[in-house]
Amino acid sequence: MVFLGLLAFTTSCKKDVDNPEEDSAHGAITTFSIKFSQAGTLKYEAVFDDPDGPGGAAPIRFDEIKLQKGQTYQASITLTNKSKTPAEDMTATVRTQGHQHLFYFSPTGLSGLNITLTDADRIGLPIGLESQWQTPATATTGTTRIGLRHIAAGKSASSGPTSGHSDMQIDFITKIE
């Protein structure tokens, strides 16, 4: 079996010692979940679960994203740190520090898949914990890179996949059926 997924989690955001007012530390993100709903009903969930973090044992779960063609989904991300006992919900931390975080979504080989960020931080810029996915009318398979960037200072409307530093990045095999 070919392992097509890629993960590059960092263990935490590092505090900016030179400017501590502009940066915030948070714990590791070991588990990522994205839930796809329509009209408030859960239709699909994809999970990446690596409880011991990068460099240890292989992930215990790494799903594909499978969506129906010609549909619109509301997507919601949940982040967890399972390296602590009890496990720590990191979603609220990223939401609270949204002015320093940005999710990005980069589909490859998925012509017609449109992803729009639908939530905003305290200064009105997108975070990406919530998004809308519009699938193409035809079946296709590719990958969707989902990454979380930590932008300690200067997050702006032009911030993107190369801004700040990476908190996590996962390449999900994505099937539109």
C-alpha atoms as a PDB file:
ATOM      1  CA  MET A   1       0.000   0.000   0.000  1.00  0.00           C
ATOM      2  CA  VAL A   2       1.350   3.391  -0.945  1.00  0.00           C
ATOM      3  CA  PHE A   3       1.332   6.011   1.819  1.00  0.00           C
ATOM      4  CA  LEU A   4       0.316   9.217   0.069  1.00  0.00           C
ATOM      5  CA  GLY A   5      -0.293  11.421   3.054  1.00  0.00           C
ATOM      6  CA  LEU A   6       2.166  13.885   4.468  1.00  0.00           C
ATOM      7  CA  LEU A   7       2.221  15.387   7.912  1.00  0.00           C
ATOM      8  CA  ALA A   8       4.457  18.051   9.330  1.00  0.00           C
ATOM      9  CA  PHE A   9       3.208  18.989  12.771  1.00  0.00           C
ATOM     10  CA  THR A  10       5.296  21.249  14.909  1.00  0.00           C
ATOM     11  CA  THR A  11       5.119  20.673  18.623  1.00  0.00           C
ATOM     12  CA  SER A  12       3.924  24.175  19.444  1.00  0.00           C
ATOM     13  CA  CYS A  13       4.056  27.792  18.516  1.00  0.00           C
ATOM     14  CA  LYS A  14       7.195  29.260  19.977  1.00  0.00           C
ATOM     15  CA  LYS A  15       7.055  32.408  22.030  1.00  0.00           C
ATOM     16  CA  ASP A  16       8.771  35.388  20.374  1.00  0.00           C
ATOM     17  CA  VAL A  17      11.261  36.385  23.060  1.00  0.00           C
ATOM     18  CA  ASP A  18      12.047  39.711  21.383  1.00  0.00           C
ATOM     19  CA  ASN A  19       8.392  40.710  21.254  1.00  0.00           C
ATOM     20  CA  PRO A  20       6.356  38.654  23.756  1.00  0.00           C
ATOM     21  CA  GLU A  21       3.266  40.839  23.245  1.00  0.00           C
ATOM     22  CA  GLU A  22       3.028  39.743  19.613  1.00  0.00           C
ATOM     23  CA  ASP A  23       3.272  35.973  19.992  1.00  0.00           C
ATOM     24  CA  SER A  24       1.461  33.285  21.958  1.00  0.00           C
ATOM     25  CA  ALA A  25       2.520  29.776  22.871  1.00  0.00           C
ATOM     26  CA  HIS A  26       0.149  26.837  22.634  1.00  0.00           C
ATOM     27  CA  GLY A  27       0.482  23.094  22.930  1.00  0.00           C
ATOM     28  CA  ALA A  28       0.980  20.457  20.281  1.00  0.00           C
ATOM     29  CA  ILE A  29      -1.697  19.538  17.768  1.00  0.00           C
ATOM     30  CA  THR A  30      -1.674  15.746  17.509  1.00  0.00           C
ATOM     31  CA  THR A  31      -5.166  15.139  16.158  1.00  0.00           C
ATOM     32  CA  PHE A  32      -6.959  16.960  13.353  1.00  0.00           C
ATOM     33  CA  SER A  33     -10.607  16.434  12.405  1.00  0.00           C
ATOM     34  CA  ILE A  34     -12.609  18.073   9.639  1.00  0.00           C
ATOM     35  CA  LYS A  35     -16.366  17.520   9.607  1.00  0.00           C
ATOM     36  CA  PHE A  36     -18.462  18.154   6.496  1.00  0.00           C
ATOM     37  CA  SER A  37     -22.141  19.000   6.997  1.00  0.00           C
ATOM     38  CA  GLN A  38     -25.137  19.962   4.889  1.00  0.00           C
ATOM     39  CA  ALA A  39     -28.162  21.709   6.435  1.00  0.00           C
ATOM     40  CA  GLY A  40     -26.735  20.990   9.899  1.00  0.00           C
ATOM     41  CA  THR A  41     -26.417  17.231   9.283  1.00  0.00           C
ATOM     42  CA  LEU A  42     -22.982  15.590   9.454  1.00  0.00           C
ATOM     43  CA  LYS A  43     -22.217  13.941   6.102  1.00  0.00           C
ATOM     44  CA  TYR A  44     -18.542  12.996   6.465  1.00  0.00           C
ATOM     45  CA  GLU A  45     -15.603  13.319   8.832  1.00  0.00           C
ATOM     46  CA  ALA A  46     -11.904  12.927   8.005  1.00  0.00           C
ATOM     47  CA  VAL A  47      -9.428  12.469  10.856  1.00  0.00           C
ATOM     48  CA  PHE A  48      -5.657  12.483  11.188  1.00  0.00           C
ATOM     49  CA  ASP A  49      -4.660  11.063  14.590  1.00  0.00           C
ATOM     50  CA  ASP A  50      -1.029  10.805  15.700  1.00  0.00           C
ATOM     51  CA  PRO A  51      -1.294  10.806  19.527  1.00  0.00           C
ATOM     52  CA  ASP A  52       2.457  10.746  20.190  1.00  0.00           C
ATOM     53  CA  GLY A  53       3.159  13.496  17.648  1.00  0.00           C
ATOM     54  CA  PRO A  54       5.707  13.582  14.826  1.00  0.00           C
ATOM     55  CA  GLY A  55       8.701  11.281  14.841  1.00  0.00           C
ATOM     56  CA  GLY A  56       7.202   8.572  17.035  1.00  0.00           C
ATOM     57  CA  ALA A  57       4.832   5.795  16.069  1.00  0.00           C
ATOM     58  CA  ALA A  58       2.879   5.961  12.825  1.00  0.00           C
ATOM     59  CA  PRO A  59      -0.514   7.720  12.963  1.00  0.00           C
ATOM     60  CA  ILE A  60      -3.267   5.453  14.272  1.00  0.00           C
ATOM     61  CA  ARG A  61      -5.805   6.983  11.881  1.00  0.00           C
ATOM     62  CA  PHE A  62      -5.402   8.829   8.569  1.00  0.00           C
ATOM     63  CA  ASP A  63      -8.632   9.121   6.601  1.00  0.00           C
ATOM     64  CA  GLU A  64      -9.265  10.252   3.055  1.00  0.00           C
ATOM     65  CA  ILE A  65     -11.671  13.105   2.363  1.00  0.00           C
ATOM     66  CA  LYS A  66     -14.630  11.689   0.404  1.00  0.00           C
ATOM     67  CA  LEU A  67     -17.324  14.073  -0.837  1.00  0.00           C
ATOM     68  CA  GLN A  68     -20.149  13.853  -3.350  1.00  0.00           C
ATOM     69  CA  LYS A  69     -19.849  15.705  -6.670  1.00  0.00           C
ATOM     70  CA  GLY A  70     -21.914  18.840  -7.283  1.00  0.00           C
ATOM     71  CA  GLN A  71     -22.506  19.550  -3.588  1.00  0.00           C
ATOM     72  CA  THR A  72     -21.860  22.345  -1.083  1.00  0.00           C
ATOM     73  CA  TYR A  73     -20.594  21.454   2.388  1.00  0.00           C
ATOM     74  CA  GLN A  74     -19.969  23.470   5.537  1.00  0.00           C
ATOM     75  CA  ALA A  75     -16.688  22.268   7.046  1.00  0.00           C
ATOM     76  CA  SER A  76     -15.560  22.604  10.651  1.00  0.00           C
ATOM     77  CA  ILE A  77     -12.087  21.799  12.026  1.00  0.00           C
ATOM     78  CA  THR A  78     -11.340  20.413  15.497  1.00  0.00           C
ATOM     79  CA  LEU A  79      -7.797  20.274  16.905  1.00  0.00           C
ATOM     80  CA  THR A  80      -6.670  18.152  19.876  1.00  0.00           C
ATOM     81  CA  ASN A  81      -3.440  17.658  21.816  1.00  0.00           C
ATOM     82  CA  LYS A  82      -3.372  14.008  22.936  1.00  0.00           C
ATOM     83  CA  SER A  83       0.199  14.236  24.186  1.00  0.00           C
ATOM     84  CA  LYS A  84      -1.300  15.478  27.476  1.00  0.00           C
ATOM     85  CA  THR A  85      -3.507  13.604  29.922  1.00  0.00           C
ATOM     86  CA  PRO A  86      -6.304  14.420  29.751  1.00  0.00           C
ATOM     87  CA  ALA A  87      -6.283  15.385  26.078  1.00  0.00           C
ATOM     88  CA  GLU A  88      -6.484  19.124  25.443  1.00  0.00           C
ATOM     89  CA  ASP A  89      -8.891  20.771  22.970  1.00  0.00           C
ATOM     90  CA  MET A  90      -6.714  23.161  20.932  1.00  0.00           C
ATOM     91  CA  THR A  91      -9.560  24.493  18.776  1.00  0.00           C
ATOM     92  CA  ALA A  92     -10.571  27.180  21.268  1.00  0.00           C
ATOM     93  CA  THR A  93      -6.940  28.244  21.667  1.00  0.00           C
ATOM     94  CA  VAL A  94      -6.488  28.716  17.924  1.00  0.00           C
ATOM     95  CA  ARG A  95      -9.847  30.529  17.700  1.00  0.00           C
ATOM     96  CA  THR A  96      -8.921  32.869  20.597  1.00  0.00           C
ATOM     97  CA  GLN A  97      -5.530  33.496  19.001  1.00  0.00           C
ATOM     98  CA  GLY A  98      -7.135  33.755  15.557  1.00  0.00           C
ATOM     99  CA  HIS A  99      -5.488  37.115  14.894  1.00  0.00           C
ATOM    100  CA  GLN A 100      -2.222  35.118  14.821  1.00  0.00           C
ATOM    101  CA  HIS A 101      -3.437  32.019  12.944  1.00  0.00           C
ATOM    102  CA  LEU A 102      -4.607  31.198   9.438  1.00  0.00           C
ATOM    103  CA  PHE A 103      -5.633  27.881   7.889  1.00  0.00           C
ATOM    104  CA  TYR A 104      -5.014  27.437   4.197  1.00  0.00           C
ATOM    105  CA  PHE A 105      -6.429  24.843   1.801  1.00  0.00           C
ATOM    106  CA  SER A 106      -4.537  23.915  -1.375  1.00  0.00           C
ATOM    107  CA  PRO A 107      -6.273  21.346  -3.602  1.00  0.00           C
ATOM    108  CA  THR A 108      -4.126  19.630  -6.260  1.00  0.00           C
ATOM    109  CA  GLY A 109      -5.643  17.661  -9.149  1.00  0.00           C
ATOM    110  CA  LEU A 110      -9.162  18.664  -8.051  1.00  0.00           C
ATOM    111  CA  SER A 111     -10.283  21.062 -10.762  1.00  0.00           C
ATOM    112  CA  GLY A 112     -13.484  22.826  -9.761  1.00  0.00           C
ATOM    113  CA  LEU A 113     -13.170  22.297  -5.999  1.00  0.00           C
ATOM    114  CA  ASN A 114     -13.719  25.702  -4.372  1.00  0.00           C
ATOM    115  CA  ILE A 115     -12.972  26.287  -0.683  1.00  0.00           C
ATOM    116  CA  THR A 116     -13.936  29.537   1.039  1.00  0.00           C
ATOM    117  CA  LEU A 117     -13.009  30.477   4.614  1.00  0.00           C
ATOM    118  CA  THR A 118     -16.169  31.527   6.459  1.00  0.00           C
ATOM    119  CA  ASP A 119     -15.030  32.545   9.959  1.00  0.00           C
ATOM    120  CA  ALA A 120     -13.084  35.581  11.107  1.00  0.00           C
ATOM    121  CA  ASP A 121     -10.773  36.677  13.915  1.00  0.00           C
ATOM    122  CA  ARG A 122     -11.270  39.677  16.186  1.00  0.00           C
ATOM    123  CA  ILE A 123      -9.932  42.036  13.511  1.00  0.00           C
ATOM    124  CA  GLY A 124     -12.168  40.649  10.766  1.00  0.00           C
ATOM    125  CA  LEU A 125      -9.595  38.502   8.940  1.00  0.00           C
ATOM    126  CA  PRO A 126     -10.264  34.831   8.107  1.00  0.00           C
ATOM    127  CA  ILE A 127      -9.089  32.013  10.385  1.00  0.00           C
ATOM    128  CA  GLY A 128     -10.280  28.901   8.509  1.00  0.00           C
ATOM    129  CA  LEU A 129     -11.622  26.745  11.345  1.00  0.00           C
ATOM    130  CA  GLU A 130     -14.910  27.077   9.424  1.00  0.00           C
ATOM    131  CA  SER A 131     -15.129  26.887   5.631  1.00  0.00           C
ATOM    132  CA  GLN A 132     -17.432  26.147   2.727  1.00  0.00           C
ATOM    133  CA  TRP A 133     -16.501  23.503   0.161  1.00  0.00           C
ATOM    134  CA  GLN A 134     -18.172  23.460  -3.272  1.00  0.00           C
ATOM    135  CA  THR A 135     -17.374  20.260  -5.144  1.00  0.00           C
ATOM    136  CA  PRO A 136     -17.117  19.995  -8.930  1.00  0.00           C
ATOM    137  CA  ALA A 137     -19.876  18.422 -11.020  1.00  0.00           C
ATOM    138  CA  THR A 138     -17.594  15.588 -12.134  1.00  0.00           C
ATOM    139  CA  ALA A 139     -15.843  12.878 -10.149  1.00  0.00           C
ATOM    140  CA  THR A 140     -12.144  13.432  -9.517  1.00  0.00           C
ATOM    141  CA  THR A 141      -9.347  12.407  -7.164  1.00  0.00           C
ATOM    142  CA  GLY A 142      -6.397  14.444  -5.931  1.00  0.00           C
ATOM    143  CA  THR A 143      -4.987  15.824  -2.694  1.00  0.00           C
ATOM    144  CA  THR A 144      -5.921  18.696  -0.443  1.00  0.00           C
ATOM    145  CA  ARG A 145      -3.155  20.225   1.639  1.00  0.00           C
ATOM    146  CA  ILE A 146      -4.540  21.719   4.832  1.00  0.00           C
ATOM    147  CA  GLY A 147      -2.108  23.814   6.801  1.00  0.00           C
ATOM    148  CA  LEU A 148      -2.176  26.086   9.813  1.00  0.00           C
ATOM    149  CA  ARG A 149       0.146  29.087   9.807  1.00  0.00           C
ATOM    150  CA  HIS A 150       1.168  30.999  12.922  1.00  0.00           C
ATOM    151  CA  ILE A 151       1.584  34.667  12.026  1.00  0.00           C
ATOM    152  CA  ALA A 152       2.850  36.323  15.204  1.00  0.00           C
ATOM    153  CA  ALA A 153       2.645  39.884  13.947  1.00  0.00           C
ATOM    154  CA  GLY A 154       1.301  41.461  10.824  1.00  0.00           C
ATOM    155  CA  LYS A 155      -1.518  39.099   9.806  1.00  0.00           C
ATOM    156  CA  SER A 156      -3.257  40.857   6.948  1.00  0.00           C
ATOM    157  CA  ALA A 157      -5.675  40.279   4.089  1.00  0.00           C
ATOM    158  CA  SER A 158      -2.691  39.165   1.976  1.00  0.00           C
ATOM    159  CA  SER A 159      -1.444  36.547   4.495  1.00  0.00           C
ATOM    160  CA  GLY A 160      -1.298  33.038   3.060  1.00  0.00           C
ATOM    161  CA  PRO A 161       0.431  29.637   2.974  1.00  0.00           C
ATOM    162  CA  THR A 162       3.933  31.104   3.292  1.00  0.00           C
ATOM    163  CA  SER A 163       3.223  33.713   5.978  1.00  0.00           C
ATOM    164  CA  GLY A 164       4.635  33.174   9.475  1.00  0.00           C
ATOM    165  CA  HIS A 165       5.594  29.618  10.357  1.00  0.00           C
ATOM    166  CA  SER A 166       3.829  26.269  10.110  1.00  0.00           C
ATOM    167  CA  ASP A 167       1.940  24.843  13.090  1.00  0.00           C
ATOM    168  CA  MET A 168       0.729  21.854  11.061  1.00  0.00           C
ATOM    169  CA  GLN A 169       0.316  20.627   7.509  1.00  0.00           C
ATOM    170  CA  ILE A 170      -1.474  17.520   6.235  1.00  0.00           C
ATOM    171  CA  ASP A 171      -2.012  16.271   2.682  1.00  0.00           C
ATOM    172  CA  PHE A 172      -5.335  14.412   2.508  1.00  0.00           C
ATOM    173  CA  ILE A 173      -6.181  12.183  -0.427  1.00  0.00           C
ATOM    174  CA  THR A 174      -9.437  13.735  -1.630  1.00  0.00           C
ATOM    175  CA  LYS A 175     -12.065  11.887  -3.630  1.00  0.00           C
ATOM    176  CA  ILE A 176     -15.042  13.575  -5.240  1.00  0.00           C
ATOM    177  CA  GLU A 177     -17.415  10.721  -6.132  1.00  0.00           C
END
